[in-house]
Amino acid sequence: METRFDLGDHVAWNSEAGRVSGTIVAVHLQDFDYKGHRHHASPARPQYEIKSDKTDHIAAHYATALTKL
């Protein structure tokens, strides 16, 4: 079973630029569009929107890519 995260959780993930950390600002339980791309999500496999601690960048990831800090 995947780890579940909540709004406000502080998490980290790997990106092309290295390890990044941020705060979860949204939890998606159904497919959604972001920056012109369709992202898939469901109650069984949600996607999380995370705002980077260092920039205003928003990333979307499944729980498997995230580590709670």
N, C-alpha and C. Protein backbone atom coordinates (compact mmCIF):
# COMPACT_ATOMS: atom_id res chain seq x y z
N MET A 1 0.84 -1.18 0.00
CA MET A 1 0.00 0.00 0.00
C MET A 1 0.89 1.25 0.00
N GLU A 2 0.53 2.22 -0.82
CA GLU A 2 1.30 3.46 -0.91
C GLU A 2 1.12 4.30 0.35
N THR A 3 2.15 5.04 0.70
CA THR A 3 2.07 6.02 1.77
C THR A 3 1.10 7.11 1.34
N ARG A 4 0.34 7.62 2.26
CA ARG A 4 -0.57 8.73 1.99
C ARG A 4 0.00 9.99 2.64
N PHE A 5 -0.19 11.10 1.94
CA PHE A 5 0.26 12.38 2.46
C PHE A 5 -0.92 13.32 2.58
N ASP A 6 -0.79 14.34 3.42
CA ASP A 6 -1.84 15.31 3.66
C ASP A 6 -1.38 16.70 3.25
N LEU A 7 -2.37 17.59 3.06
CA LEU A 7 -2.04 18.99 2.78
C LEU A 7 -1.13 19.51 3.89
N GLY A 8 -0.12 20.26 3.50
CA GLY A 8 0.80 20.84 4.47
C GLY A 8 1.99 19.97 4.83
N ASP A 9 1.97 18.68 4.43
CA ASP A 9 3.12 17.82 4.71
C ASP A 9 4.35 18.33 3.98
N HIS A 10 5.50 18.25 4.63
CA HIS A 10 6.77 18.64 4.04
C HIS A 10 7.42 17.38 3.47
N VAL A 11 7.72 17.39 2.17
CA VAL A 11 8.22 16.20 1.48
C VAL A 11 9.43 16.54 0.62
N ALA A 12 10.11 15.50 0.15
CA ALA A 12 11.25 15.67 -0.76
C ALA A 12 11.10 14.68 -1.90
N TRP A 13 11.74 15.00 -3.04
CA TRP A 13 11.73 14.13 -4.21
C TRP A 13 12.95 14.42 -5.06
N ASN A 14 13.28 13.52 -5.94
CA ASN A 14 14.41 13.70 -6.84
C ASN A 14 13.93 14.36 -8.13
N SER A 15 14.68 15.34 -8.61
CA SER A 15 14.38 15.99 -9.88
C SER A 15 15.65 16.00 -10.73
N GLU A 16 15.53 16.53 -11.93
CA GLU A 16 16.69 16.63 -12.81
C GLU A 16 17.79 17.48 -12.17
N ALA A 17 17.39 18.42 -11.30
CA ALA A 17 18.33 19.33 -10.66
C ALA A 17 18.86 18.78 -9.34
N GLY A 18 18.41 17.58 -8.94
CA GLY A 18 18.84 17.01 -7.68
C GLY A 18 17.68 16.88 -6.71
N ARG A 19 18.00 16.76 -5.43
CA ARG A 19 16.98 16.57 -4.40
C ARG A 19 16.27 17.89 -4.14
N VAL A 20 14.93 17.86 -4.14
CA VAL A 20 14.11 19.06 -3.94
C VAL A 20 13.15 18.78 -2.79
N SER A 21 12.83 19.83 -2.04
CA SER A 21 11.85 19.68 -0.97
C SER A 21 10.78 20.74 -1.12
N GLY A 22 9.61 20.45 -0.56
CA GLY A 22 8.51 21.39 -0.65
C GLY A 22 7.34 20.95 0.22
N THR A 23 6.25 21.70 0.09
CA THR A 23 5.06 21.48 0.88
C THR A 23 3.89 21.10 -0.02
N ILE A 24 3.13 20.09 0.38
CA ILE A 24 1.97 19.66 -0.41
C ILE A 24 0.89 20.73 -0.31
N VAL A 25 0.43 21.21 -1.49
CA VAL A 25 -0.58 22.26 -1.54
C VAL A 25 -1.90 21.76 -2.11
N ALA A 26 -1.92 20.56 -2.71
CA ALA A 26 -3.16 19.98 -3.24
C ALA A 26 -3.02 18.47 -3.36
N VAL A 27 -4.13 17.78 -3.17
CA VAL A 27 -4.19 16.33 -3.35
C VAL A 27 -5.25 16.06 -4.41
N HIS A 28 -4.87 15.38 -5.49
CA HIS A 28 -5.79 15.09 -6.59
C HIS A 28 -6.21 13.63 -6.55
N LEU A 29 -7.53 13.41 -6.56
CA LEU A 29 -8.08 12.06 -6.53
C LEU A 29 -8.73 11.68 -7.86
N GLN A 30 -8.64 12.58 -8.83
CA GLN A 30 -9.13 12.30 -10.18
C GLN A 30 -8.23 13.02 -11.17
N ASP A 31 -8.33 12.64 -12.45
CA ASP A 31 -7.48 13.24 -13.48
C ASP A 31 -7.61 14.76 -13.46
N PHE A 32 -6.50 15.45 -13.75
CA PHE A 32 -6.51 16.91 -13.75
C PHE A 32 -5.54 17.43 -14.80
N ASP A 33 -5.77 18.66 -15.24
CA ASP A 33 -4.90 19.32 -16.21
C ASP A 33 -4.04 20.33 -15.48
N TYR A 34 -2.75 20.36 -15.81
CA TYR A 34 -1.84 21.33 -15.23
C TYR A 34 -0.78 21.68 -16.25
N LYS A 35 -0.63 22.98 -16.51
CA LYS A 35 0.35 23.49 -17.47
C LYS A 35 0.24 22.79 -18.82
N GLY A 36 -0.99 22.57 -19.27
CA GLY A 36 -1.22 21.99 -20.59
C GLY A 36 -1.05 20.49 -20.67
N HIS A 37 -0.87 19.83 -19.55
CA HIS A 37 -0.69 18.37 -19.54
C HIS A 37 -1.77 17.71 -18.70
N ARG A 38 -2.21 16.56 -19.14
CA ARG A 38 -3.19 15.77 -18.39
C ARG A 38 -2.44 14.86 -17.42
N HIS A 39 -2.77 14.95 -16.15
CA HIS A 39 -2.18 14.10 -15.12
C HIS A 39 -3.25 13.14 -14.63
N HIS A 40 -2.87 11.89 -14.45
CA HIS A 40 -3.81 10.87 -14.03
C HIS A 40 -3.73 10.64 -12.53
N ALA A 41 -4.90 10.55 -11.91
CA ALA A 41 -4.97 10.31 -10.47
C ALA A 41 -6.29 9.61 -10.17
N SER A 42 -6.34 8.95 -9.04
CA SER A 42 -7.55 8.28 -8.59
C SER A 42 -7.50 8.19 -7.07
N PRO A 43 -8.62 7.85 -6.42
CA PRO A 43 -8.56 7.68 -4.96
C PRO A 43 -7.56 6.60 -4.55
N ALA A 44 -7.38 5.58 -5.37
CA ALA A 44 -6.43 4.52 -5.06
C ALA A 44 -4.98 4.95 -5.32
N ARG A 45 -4.79 5.91 -6.21
CA ARG A 45 -3.44 6.38 -6.55
C ARG A 45 -3.48 7.90 -6.78
N PRO A 46 -3.55 8.67 -5.70
CA PRO A 46 -3.61 10.13 -5.84
C PRO A 46 -2.29 10.72 -6.33
N GLN A 47 -2.39 11.92 -6.87
CA GLN A 47 -1.19 12.71 -7.18
C GLN A 47 -1.21 13.93 -6.26
N TYR A 48 -0.01 14.35 -5.92
CA TYR A 48 0.16 15.47 -4.99
C TYR A 48 0.83 16.63 -5.71
N GLU A 49 0.28 17.84 -5.50
CA GLU A 49 0.93 19.06 -5.99
C GLU A 49 1.78 19.58 -4.85
N ILE A 50 3.05 19.84 -5.16
CA ILE A 50 4.00 20.28 -4.13
C ILE A 50 4.64 21.59 -4.58
N LYS A 51 4.66 22.57 -3.68
CA LYS A 51 5.33 23.84 -3.95
C LYS A 51 6.74 23.76 -3.39
N SER A 52 7.72 24.00 -4.26
CA SER A 52 9.13 23.95 -3.88
C SER A 52 9.43 24.96 -2.77
N ASP A 53 10.32 24.56 -1.85
CA ASP A 53 10.74 25.46 -0.78
C ASP A 53 11.56 26.63 -1.31
N LYS A 54 12.30 26.42 -2.39
CA LYS A 54 13.24 27.44 -2.87
C LYS A 54 12.68 28.32 -3.98
N THR A 55 11.69 27.83 -4.72
CA THR A 55 11.12 28.60 -5.83
C THR A 55 9.60 28.53 -5.74
N ASP A 56 8.92 29.17 -6.65
CA ASP A 56 7.46 29.09 -6.71
C ASP A 56 7.00 27.93 -7.59
N HIS A 57 7.94 27.08 -8.01
CA HIS A 57 7.61 25.97 -8.89
C HIS A 57 6.67 25.00 -8.20
N ILE A 58 5.67 24.54 -8.96
CA ILE A 58 4.74 23.52 -8.48
C ILE A 58 5.01 22.24 -9.27
N ALA A 59 5.17 21.14 -8.56
CA ALA A 59 5.40 19.83 -9.18
C ALA A 59 4.24 18.91 -8.79
N ALA A 60 3.96 17.94 -9.64
CA ALA A 60 2.94 16.93 -9.34
C ALA A 60 3.61 15.56 -9.34
N HIS A 61 3.40 14.79 -8.26
CA HIS A 61 4.02 13.48 -8.14
C HIS A 61 3.09 12.50 -7.44
N TYR A 62 3.30 11.21 -7.75
CA TYR A 62 2.65 10.15 -7.00
C TYR A 62 3.40 9.96 -5.69
N ALA A 63 2.77 9.31 -4.73
CA ALA A 63 3.37 9.08 -3.42
C ALA A 63 4.68 8.31 -3.51
N THR A 64 4.80 7.43 -4.49
CA THR A 64 6.02 6.61 -4.61
C THR A 64 7.27 7.44 -4.86
N ALA A 65 7.12 8.67 -5.36
CA ALA A 65 8.26 9.53 -5.63
C ALA A 65 8.62 10.42 -4.44
N LEU A 66 7.78 10.40 -3.41
CA LEU A 66 7.95 11.34 -2.29
C LEU A 66 8.44 10.67 -1.01
N THR A 67 9.17 11.46 -0.23
CA THR A 67 9.61 11.05 1.10
C THR A 67 9.19 12.14 2.08
N LYS A 68 8.52 11.76 3.15
CA LYS A 68 8.10 12.76 4.16
C LYS A 68 9.30 13.19 4.99
N LEU A 69 9.43 14.50 5.18
CA LEU A 69 10.53 15.06 5.97
C LEU A 69 10.07 15.43 7.37
